[in-house]
Amino acid sequence: MSENTERFTGRVEDYERYRLRYPKDVIEILVARCGLRLDHLVADVGAGTGMLAELFLEYGNAVIAIEPNDDMREGCEKLASAWPGLTVKKATAEATGLEDGSVDFVSVGRAFHWFNVAQTAKEFRRILRPGGWAVIASNSRVRDDSPMSMAYEGLLREHGTDYEANHERYESIGRVNEFFAGGELFRQEIYGEQRLTLEDLLGQTQSLSVTPEPGHAKYEGMQAALRAFFAKWQMDGIVEMKTVCRVGCGRFGG
């Protein structure tokens, strides 16, 4: 897991500044469908810089953020000064170090596709209290709804470092089904749109783990391709990309 853990080292500034935020509707879904309450303790696993954790903190929950990457975890720790209900811990999804039956909800954001499904499911079963929920929220651009979105995917395939090798990971529906096999699961999708300037497009792309960093042989080619993409698809200095947050909420079978 160490290779996956280190994929975002050096990308935190771009990640925090440019990555798409989770919609607040996620909390509304959890309140309505899962009975989320203010007194519930949440473990946010693979927390990154704390974008998903912050939704729970804003609602009023105490959160334990689990993040193995040192750079990402340092970014998450900056939230602690604003949110005293936040505890940040260095650990992995497969070995959180939390006590048996100690949390009411486990949440996972964009990191889910890097986890070992079987080991993580076993660990979540262990740390959840009886009747507790696991929540998986993927939040990304819509990848295949238009010629523009498909052109962007083609750009990542051609100029990214290992996009094609990891593309299957990003399609998480089957992995989520496997994760909750034998239990219960419901899904809900939240659609939106992001308006990106050239700076936003460059920064958001640079935050992806498959984007070559400065000094890499493919870096300049990627930058040139992004600028050409923006010039073709922009209108009044803005590129509009549709987004979708896919929320899967489940409880494990007995």
C-alpha atoms as a PDB file:
ATOM      1  CA  MET A   1       0.000   0.000   0.000  1.00  0.00           C
ATOM      2  CA  SER A   2       2.971   2.340   0.392  1.00  0.00           C
ATOM      3  CA  GLU A   3       3.106   3.219  -3.313  1.00  0.00           C
ATOM      4  CA  ASN A   4      -0.548   4.236  -3.349  1.00  0.00           C
ATOM      5  CA  THR A   5      -0.157   6.112  -0.075  1.00  0.00           C
ATOM      6  CA  GLU A   6       2.611   8.270  -1.522  1.00  0.00           C
ATOM      7  CA  ARG A   7       0.895   9.120  -4.810  1.00  0.00           C
ATOM      8  CA  PHE A   8      -0.225  12.521  -3.509  1.00  0.00           C
ATOM      9  CA  THR A   9       3.020  13.569  -1.875  1.00  0.00           C
ATOM     10  CA  GLY A  10       3.911  17.021  -3.223  1.00  0.00           C
ATOM     11  CA  ARG A  11       0.392  17.682  -4.550  1.00  0.00           C
ATOM     12  CA  VAL A  12      -1.282  18.994  -1.404  1.00  0.00           C
ATOM     13  CA  GLU A  13      -1.245  22.685  -2.315  1.00  0.00           C
ATOM     14  CA  ASP A  14      -2.970  22.077  -5.656  1.00  0.00           C
ATOM     15  CA  TYR A  15      -5.266  19.475  -4.102  1.00  0.00           C
ATOM     16  CA  GLU A  16      -6.470  21.806  -1.349  1.00  0.00           C
ATOM     17  CA  ARG A  17      -6.814  24.847  -3.578  1.00  0.00           C
ATOM     18  CA  TYR A  18      -8.362  23.380  -6.727  1.00  0.00           C
ATOM     19  CA  ARG A  19     -10.054  20.053  -5.998  1.00  0.00           C
ATOM     20  CA  LEU A  20     -13.825  19.842  -6.316  1.00  0.00           C
ATOM     21  CA  ARG A  21     -15.533  20.128  -2.911  1.00  0.00           C
ATOM     22  CA  TYR A  22     -18.196  17.692  -1.730  1.00  0.00           C
ATOM     23  CA  PRO A  23     -21.762  19.043  -1.903  1.00  0.00           C
ATOM     24  CA  LYS A  24     -23.496  19.743   1.406  1.00  0.00           C
ATOM     25  CA  ASP A  25     -26.355  17.565   0.143  1.00  0.00           C
ATOM     26  CA  VAL A  26     -24.305  14.561   1.317  1.00  0.00           C
ATOM     27  CA  ILE A  27     -25.163  15.421   4.930  1.00  0.00           C
ATOM     28  CA  GLU A  28     -28.847  15.898   4.099  1.00  0.00           C
ATOM     29  CA  ILE A  29     -28.899  12.393   2.589  1.00  0.00           C
ATOM     30  CA  LEU A  30     -27.256  10.880   5.672  1.00  0.00           C
ATOM     31  CA  VAL A  31     -29.667  12.631   8.031  1.00  0.00           C
ATOM     32  CA  ALA A  32     -32.719  11.542   6.035  1.00  0.00           C
ATOM     33  CA  ARG A  33     -31.671   8.007   5.112  1.00  0.00           C
ATOM     34  CA  CYS A  34     -29.204   6.932   7.807  1.00  0.00           C
ATOM     35  CA  GLY A  35     -30.391   8.879  10.840  1.00  0.00           C
ATOM     36  CA  LEU A  36     -27.170  10.868  11.261  1.00  0.00           C
ATOM     37  CA  ARG A  37     -27.248  12.804  14.555  1.00  0.00           C
ATOM     38  CA  LEU A  38     -25.035  15.441  16.120  1.00  0.00           C
ATOM     39  CA  ASP A  39     -23.833  13.018  18.789  1.00  0.00           C
ATOM     40  CA  HIS A  40     -22.588  10.429  16.289  1.00  0.00           C
ATOM     41  CA  LEU A  41     -18.836   9.906  16.086  1.00  0.00           C
ATOM     42  CA  VAL A  42     -17.491   9.698  12.526  1.00  0.00           C
ATOM     43  CA  ALA A  43     -14.262   8.095  11.318  1.00  0.00           C
ATOM     44  CA  ASP A  44     -13.279   9.659   7.994  1.00  0.00           C
ATOM     45  CA  VAL A  45     -10.857   7.202   6.412  1.00  0.00           C
ATOM     46  CA  GLY A  46      -8.391   8.236   3.725  1.00  0.00           C
ATOM     47  CA  ALA A  47      -9.318  11.761   4.770  1.00  0.00           C
ATOM     48  CA  GLY A  48      -6.754  13.579   2.654  1.00  0.00           C
ATOM     49  CA  THR A  49      -6.812  17.268   3.548  1.00  0.00           C
ATOM     50  CA  GLY A  50     -10.198  16.858   5.269  1.00  0.00           C
ATOM     51  CA  MET A  51     -12.686  17.939   2.612  1.00  0.00           C
ATOM     52  CA  LEU A  52     -15.284  15.284   3.466  1.00  0.00           C
ATOM     53  CA  ALA A  53     -14.528  15.449   7.193  1.00  0.00           C
ATOM     54  CA  GLU A  54     -15.281  19.158   7.131  1.00  0.00           C
ATOM     55  CA  LEU A  55     -18.889  18.491   6.067  1.00  0.00           C
ATOM     56  CA  PHE A  56     -19.432  16.442   9.225  1.00  0.00           C
ATOM     57  CA  LEU A  57     -17.628  19.003  11.384  1.00  0.00           C
ATOM     58  CA  GLU A  58     -19.793  21.805  10.013  1.00  0.00           C
ATOM     59  CA  TYR A  59     -22.878  19.746  10.831  1.00  0.00           C
ATOM     60  CA  GLY A  60     -21.658  19.296  14.413  1.00  0.00           C
ATOM     61  CA  ASN A  61     -20.150  15.796  14.534  1.00  0.00           C
ATOM     62  CA  ALA A  62     -16.854  14.889  16.135  1.00  0.00           C
ATOM     63  CA  VAL A  63     -14.561  13.341  13.518  1.00  0.00           C
ATOM     64  CA  ILE A  64     -11.492  11.112  13.641  1.00  0.00           C
ATOM     65  CA  ALA A  65      -9.615  11.647  10.372  1.00  0.00           C
ATOM     66  CA  ILE A  66      -7.466   8.695   9.267  1.00  0.00           C
ATOM     67  CA  GLU A  67      -4.781   9.565   6.705  1.00  0.00           C
ATOM     68  CA  PRO A  68      -1.504   7.715   5.982  1.00  0.00           C
ATOM     69  CA  ASN A  69       0.147  10.290   3.712  1.00  0.00           C
ATOM     70  CA  ASP A  70       2.233  12.756   5.723  1.00  0.00           C
ATOM     71  CA  ASP A  71       1.687  15.750   3.420  1.00  0.00           C
ATOM     72  CA  MET A  72      -2.057  15.192   3.224  1.00  0.00           C
ATOM     73  CA  ARG A  73      -2.345  14.629   6.953  1.00  0.00           C
ATOM     74  CA  GLU A  74      -0.500  17.872   7.672  1.00  0.00           C
ATOM     75  CA  GLY A  75      -3.059  19.674   5.515  1.00  0.00           C
ATOM     76  CA  CYS A  76      -5.868  18.012   7.446  1.00  0.00           C
ATOM     77  CA  GLU A  77      -4.320  18.951  10.786  1.00  0.00           C
ATOM     78  CA  LYS A  78      -4.666  22.623   9.854  1.00  0.00           C
ATOM     79  CA  LEU A  79      -8.423  22.188  10.226  1.00  0.00           C
ATOM     80  CA  ALA A  80      -8.038  21.284  13.907  1.00  0.00           C
ATOM     81  CA  SER A  81      -7.533  24.920  14.938  1.00  0.00           C
ATOM     82  CA  ALA A  82     -10.940  25.791  13.480  1.00  0.00           C
ATOM     83  CA  TRP A  83     -12.670  22.540  14.484  1.00  0.00           C
ATOM     84  CA  PRO A  84     -11.896  21.305  18.018  1.00  0.00           C
ATOM     85  CA  GLY A  85     -14.021  18.220  17.312  1.00  0.00           C
ATOM     86  CA  LEU A  86     -11.410  16.957  14.855  1.00  0.00           C
ATOM     87  CA  THR A  87      -8.787  14.343  15.731  1.00  0.00           C
ATOM     88  CA  VAL A  88      -6.210  13.445  13.059  1.00  0.00           C
ATOM     89  CA  LYS A  89      -4.469  10.066  13.097  1.00  0.00           C
ATOM     90  CA  LYS A  90      -1.804   8.425  10.936  1.00  0.00           C
ATOM     91  CA  ALA A  91      -3.153   5.033   9.871  1.00  0.00           C
ATOM     92  CA  THR A  92      -4.608   3.174   6.891  1.00  0.00           C
ATOM     93  CA  ALA A  93      -8.064   1.974   5.911  1.00  0.00           C
ATOM     94  CA  GLU A  94      -6.982  -1.618   6.445  1.00  0.00           C
ATOM     95  CA  ALA A  95      -5.571  -0.920   9.923  1.00  0.00           C
ATOM     96  CA  THR A  96      -7.132   2.200  11.454  1.00  0.00           C
ATOM     97  CA  GLY A  97      -5.922   1.536  15.006  1.00  0.00           C
ATOM     98  CA  LEU A  98      -9.376   2.449  16.360  1.00  0.00           C
ATOM     99  CA  GLU A  99     -11.045   0.398  19.076  1.00  0.00           C
ATOM    100  CA  ASP A 100     -13.664  -2.259  18.392  1.00  0.00           C
ATOM    101  CA  GLY A 101     -17.189  -0.823  18.061  1.00  0.00           C
ATOM    102  CA  SER A 102     -16.016   2.727  18.661  1.00  0.00           C
ATOM    103  CA  VAL A 103     -17.646   4.798  15.866  1.00  0.00           C
ATOM    104  CA  ASP A 104     -21.160   5.304  14.532  1.00  0.00           C
ATOM    105  CA  PHE A 105     -20.281   6.208  10.927  1.00  0.00           C
ATOM    106  CA  VAL A 106     -17.304   5.525   8.711  1.00  0.00           C
ATOM    107  CA  SER A 107     -16.956   7.837   5.724  1.00  0.00           C
ATOM    108  CA  VAL A 108     -14.701   7.479   2.710  1.00  0.00           C
ATOM    109  CA  GLY A 109     -14.254   9.975  -0.093  1.00  0.00           C
ATOM    110  CA  ARG A 110     -12.143   9.807  -3.218  1.00  0.00           C
ATOM    111  CA  ALA A 111      -9.596   7.479  -1.604  1.00  0.00           C
ATOM    112  CA  PHE A 112     -11.804   4.373  -1.748  1.00  0.00           C
ATOM    113  CA  HIS A 113     -10.416   3.089  -5.043  1.00  0.00           C
ATOM    114  CA  TRP A 114      -6.956   2.775  -3.468  1.00  0.00           C
ATOM    115  CA  PHE A 115      -8.155   0.487  -0.637  1.00  0.00           C
ATOM    116  CA  ASN A 116      -7.992  -3.287  -0.395  1.00  0.00           C
ATOM    117  CA  VAL A 117     -11.718  -4.045  -0.455  1.00  0.00           C
ATOM    118  CA  ALA A 118     -11.737  -7.241   1.612  1.00  0.00           C
ATOM    119  CA  GLN A 119      -9.344  -6.021   4.305  1.00  0.00           C
ATOM    120  CA  THR A 120     -11.060  -2.643   4.590  1.00  0.00           C
ATOM    121  CA  ALA A 121     -14.527  -4.189   4.895  1.00  0.00           C
ATOM    122  CA  LYS A 122     -13.252  -6.403   7.708  1.00  0.00           C
ATOM    123  CA  GLU A 123     -11.738  -3.395   9.478  1.00  0.00           C
ATOM    124  CA  PHE A 124     -14.879  -1.267   9.125  1.00  0.00           C
ATOM    125  CA  ARG A 125     -17.018  -4.093  10.526  1.00  0.00           C
ATOM    126  CA  ARG A 126     -14.691  -4.170  13.507  1.00  0.00           C
ATOM    127  CA  ILE A 127     -14.722  -0.455  14.355  1.00  0.00           C
ATOM    128  CA  LEU A 128     -18.413   0.267  13.692  1.00  0.00           C
ATOM    129  CA  ARG A 129     -20.944   0.061  16.489  1.00  0.00           C
ATOM    130  CA  PRO A 130     -23.937  -2.255  15.919  1.00  0.00           C
ATOM    131  CA  GLY A 131     -26.174  -0.706  13.266  1.00  0.00           C
ATOM    132  CA  GLY A 132     -23.453   1.710  12.175  1.00  0.00           C
ATOM    133  CA  TRP A 133     -23.218   2.952   8.598  1.00  0.00           C
ATOM    134  CA  ALA A 134     -20.347   3.105   6.127  1.00  0.00           C
ATOM    135  CA  VAL A 135     -20.574   5.934   3.593  1.00  0.00           C
ATOM    136  CA  ILE A 136     -18.609   6.064   0.341  1.00  0.00           C
ATOM    137  CA  ALA A 137     -18.755   9.314  -1.623  1.00  0.00           C
ATOM    138  CA  SER A 138     -16.986   9.636  -4.965  1.00  0.00           C
ATOM    139  CA  ASN A 139     -16.901  13.193  -6.288  1.00  0.00           C
ATOM    140  CA  SER A 140     -15.648  13.931  -9.772  1.00  0.00           C
ATOM    141  CA  ARG A 141     -16.277  15.322 -13.215  1.00  0.00           C
ATOM    142  CA  VAL A 142     -18.709  13.413 -15.421  1.00  0.00           C
ATOM    143  CA  ARG A 143     -16.343  11.565 -17.725  1.00  0.00           C
ATOM    144  CA  ASP A 144     -18.391  10.608 -20.776  1.00  0.00           C
ATOM    145  CA  ASP A 145     -21.351  12.955 -21.222  1.00  0.00           C
ATOM    146  CA  SER A 146     -20.027  15.160 -24.038  1.00  0.00           C
ATOM    147  CA  PRO A 147     -17.281  15.516 -26.657  1.00  0.00           C
ATOM    148  CA  MET A 148     -15.521  17.926 -24.265  1.00  0.00           C
ATOM    149  CA  SER A 149     -15.485  15.511 -21.336  1.00  0.00           C
ATOM    150  CA  MET A 150     -14.256  12.695 -23.552  1.00  0.00           C
ATOM    151  CA  ALA A 151     -11.549  14.981 -24.980  1.00  0.00           C
ATOM    152  CA  TYR A 152     -10.337  15.656 -21.434  1.00  0.00           C
ATOM    153  CA  GLU A 153     -10.217  11.930 -20.688  1.00  0.00           C
ATOM    154  CA  GLY A 154      -8.234  11.407 -23.871  1.00  0.00           C
ATOM    155  CA  LEU A 155      -5.809  14.100 -22.761  1.00  0.00           C
ATOM    156  CA  LEU A 156      -5.220  12.314 -19.459  1.00  0.00           C
ATOM    157  CA  ARG A 157      -4.686   8.992 -21.228  1.00  0.00           C
ATOM    158  CA  GLU A 158      -2.155  10.440 -23.644  1.00  0.00           C
ATOM    159  CA  HIS A 159      -0.224  12.739 -21.348  1.00  0.00           C
ATOM    160  CA  GLY A 160      -0.760  11.239 -17.883  1.00  0.00           C
ATOM    161  CA  THR A 161       1.790   9.005 -16.225  1.00  0.00           C
ATOM    162  CA  ASP A 162      -0.340   5.900 -15.650  1.00  0.00           C
ATOM    163  CA  TYR A 163      -3.951   6.895 -16.247  1.00  0.00           C
ATOM    164  CA  GLU A 164      -4.818   3.899 -18.394  1.00  0.00           C
ATOM    165  CA  ALA A 165      -3.368   1.483 -15.837  1.00  0.00           C
ATOM    166  CA  ASN A 166      -5.476   2.988 -13.062  1.00  0.00           C
ATOM    167  CA  HIS A 167      -8.623   3.894 -15.008  1.00  0.00           C
ATOM    168  CA  GLU A 168     -10.468   0.765 -13.902  1.00  0.00           C
ATOM    169  CA  ARG A 169      -9.921   1.750 -10.270  1.00  0.00           C
ATOM    170  CA  TYR A 170     -11.892   4.959 -10.744  1.00  0.00           C
ATOM    171  CA  GLU A 171     -15.017   3.064 -11.792  1.00  0.00           C
ATOM    172  CA  SER A 172     -15.978   2.122  -8.264  1.00  0.00           C
ATOM    173  CA  ILE A 173     -19.573   0.859  -8.622  1.00  0.00           C
ATOM    174  CA  GLY A 174     -18.524  -2.796  -8.759  1.00  0.00           C
ATOM    175  CA  ARG A 175     -16.081  -2.334  -5.895  1.00  0.00           C
ATOM    176  CA  VAL A 176     -18.791  -0.751  -3.724  1.00  0.00           C
ATOM    177  CA  ASN A 177     -21.143  -3.650  -4.462  1.00  0.00           C
ATOM    178  CA  GLU A 178     -18.395  -6.082  -3.458  1.00  0.00           C
ATOM    179  CA  PHE A 179     -17.683  -4.071  -0.327  1.00  0.00           C
ATOM    180  CA  PHE A 180     -21.244  -4.398   0.998  1.00  0.00           C
ATOM    181  CA  ALA A 181     -21.933  -7.919  -0.318  1.00  0.00           C
ATOM    182  CA  GLY A 182     -24.363  -9.686   1.998  1.00  0.00           C
ATOM    183  CA  GLY A 183     -25.445  -6.455   3.675  1.00  0.00           C
ATOM    184  CA  GLU A 184     -27.620  -3.514   2.671  1.00  0.00           C
ATOM    185  CA  LEU A 185     -26.779  -0.665   0.324  1.00  0.00           C
ATOM    186  CA  PHE A 186     -28.502   2.323  -1.197  1.00  0.00           C
ATOM    187  CA  ARG A 187     -27.143   4.869  -3.646  1.00  0.00           C
ATOM    188  CA  GLN A 188     -27.893   8.448  -4.546  1.00  0.00           C
ATOM    189  CA  GLU A 189     -26.293  10.776  -7.078  1.00  0.00           C
ATOM    190  CA  ILE A 190     -25.862  14.523  -6.754  1.00  0.00           C
ATOM    191  CA  TYR A 191     -25.232  16.346 -10.025  1.00  0.00           C
ATOM    192  CA  GLY A 192     -23.661  19.757 -10.361  1.00  0.00           C
ATOM    193  CA  GLU A 193     -21.342  21.852 -12.474  1.00  0.00           C
ATOM    194  CA  GLN A 194     -17.995  23.521 -12.005  1.00  0.00           C
ATOM    195  CA  ARG A 195     -16.797  26.622 -13.861  1.00  0.00           C
ATOM    196  CA  LEU A 196     -13.049  26.569 -14.391  1.00  0.00           C
ATOM    197  CA  THR A 197     -10.676  29.299 -15.451  1.00  0.00           C
ATOM    198  CA  LEU A 198      -7.429  28.275 -17.106  1.00  0.00           C
ATOM    199  CA  GLU A 199      -5.707  28.513 -13.717  1.00  0.00           C
ATOM    200  CA  ASP A 200      -8.392  26.313 -12.159  1.00  0.00           C
ATOM    201  CA  LEU A 201      -8.101  23.723 -14.928  1.00  0.00           C
ATOM    202  CA  LEU A 202      -4.321  23.570 -14.668  1.00  0.00           C
ATOM    203  CA  GLY A 203      -4.394  23.386 -10.865  1.00  0.00           C
ATOM    204  CA  GLN A 204      -7.151  20.801 -10.635  1.00  0.00           C
ATOM    205  CA  THR A 205      -5.440  18.593 -13.210  1.00  0.00           C
ATOM    206  CA  GLN A 206      -2.128  18.956 -11.408  1.00  0.00           C
ATOM    207  CA  SER A 207      -3.783  17.678  -8.222  1.00  0.00           C
ATOM    208  CA  LEU A 208      -4.517  14.311  -9.885  1.00  0.00           C
ATOM    209  CA  SER A 209      -2.191  11.455  -9.014  1.00  0.00           C
ATOM    210  CA  VAL A 210      -1.762  10.553 -12.702  1.00  0.00           C
ATOM    211  CA  THR A 211      -0.539  14.016 -13.773  1.00  0.00           C
ATOM    212  CA  PRO A 212       3.210  14.379 -14.404  1.00  0.00           C
ATOM    213  CA  GLU A 213       4.961  16.731 -12.016  1.00  0.00           C
ATOM    214  CA  PRO A 214       7.483  19.436 -13.004  1.00  0.00           C
ATOM    215  CA  GLY A 215      10.688  17.800 -14.188  1.00  0.00           C
ATOM    216  CA  HIS A 216       8.912  14.698 -15.512  1.00  0.00           C
ATOM    217  CA  ALA A 217       9.468  13.930 -19.197  1.00  0.00           C
ATOM    218  CA  LYS A 218       5.726  14.279 -19.903  1.00  0.00           C
ATOM    219  CA  TYR A 219       5.125  17.465 -17.901  1.00  0.00           C
ATOM    220  CA  GLU A 220       5.544  20.038 -20.672  1.00  0.00           C
ATOM    221  CA  GLY A 221       3.420  17.993 -23.065  1.00  0.00           C
ATOM    222  CA  MET A 222       0.619  17.835 -20.524  1.00  0.00           C
ATOM    223  CA  GLN A 223       0.744  21.582 -19.895  1.00  0.00           C
ATOM    224  CA  ALA A 224       0.622  22.354 -23.615  1.00  0.00           C
ATOM    225  CA  ALA A 225      -2.269  19.929 -24.148  1.00  0.00           C
ATOM    226  CA  LEU A 226      -4.244  21.492 -21.274  1.00  0.00           C
ATOM    227  CA  ARG A 227      -3.801  24.980 -22.700  1.00  0.00           C
ATOM    228  CA  ALA A 228      -4.917  23.798 -26.138  1.00  0.00           C
ATOM    229  CA  PHE A 229      -7.910  22.033 -24.586  1.00  0.00           C
ATOM    230  CA  PHE A 230      -8.910  25.194 -22.723  1.00  0.00           C
ATOM    231  CA  ALA A 231      -8.540  27.361 -25.833  1.00  0.00           C
ATOM    232  CA  LYS A 232     -10.834  25.037 -27.778  1.00  0.00           C
ATOM    233  CA  TRP A 233     -13.586  24.582 -25.203  1.00  0.00           C
ATOM    234  CA  GLN A 234     -13.660  27.793 -23.195  1.00  0.00           C
ATOM    235  CA  MET A 235     -16.365  30.416 -23.504  1.00  0.00           C
ATOM    236  CA  ASP A 236     -15.703  33.868 -22.076  1.00  0.00           C
ATOM    237  CA  GLY A 237     -12.640  32.524 -20.283  1.00  0.00           C
ATOM    238  CA  ILE A 238     -14.506  29.647 -18.590  1.00  0.00           C
ATOM    239  CA  VAL A 239     -14.760  25.902 -19.196  1.00  0.00           C
ATOM    240  CA  GLU A 240     -17.890  24.318 -17.715  1.00  0.00           C
ATOM    241  CA  MET A 241     -17.652  20.705 -16.584  1.00  0.00           C
ATOM    242  CA  LYS A 242     -20.539  18.675 -15.224  1.00  0.00           C
ATOM    243  CA  THR A 243     -19.897  16.911 -11.935  1.00  0.00           C
ATOM    244  CA  VAL A 244     -21.411  14.018 -10.019  1.00  0.00           C
ATOM    245  CA  CYS A 245     -21.097  12.972  -6.396  1.00  0.00           C
ATOM    246  CA  ARG A 246     -22.069   9.323  -6.057  1.00  0.00           C
ATOM    247  CA  VAL A 247     -23.028   8.446  -2.505  1.00  0.00           C
ATOM    248  CA  GLY A 248     -23.230   4.819  -1.420  1.00  0.00           C
ATOM    249  CA  CYS A 249     -24.442   4.102   2.113  1.00  0.00           C
ATOM    250  CA  GLY A 250     -24.496   0.636   3.548  1.00  0.00           C
ATOM    251  CA  ARG A 251     -24.475  -1.623   6.566  1.00  0.00           C
ATOM    252  CA  PHE A 252     -22.672  -4.914   6.690  1.00  0.00           C
ATOM    253  CA  GLY A 253     -24.519  -8.196   6.972  1.00  0.00           C
ATOM    254  CA  GLY A 254     -24.312 -10.352  10.064  1.00  0.00           C
END
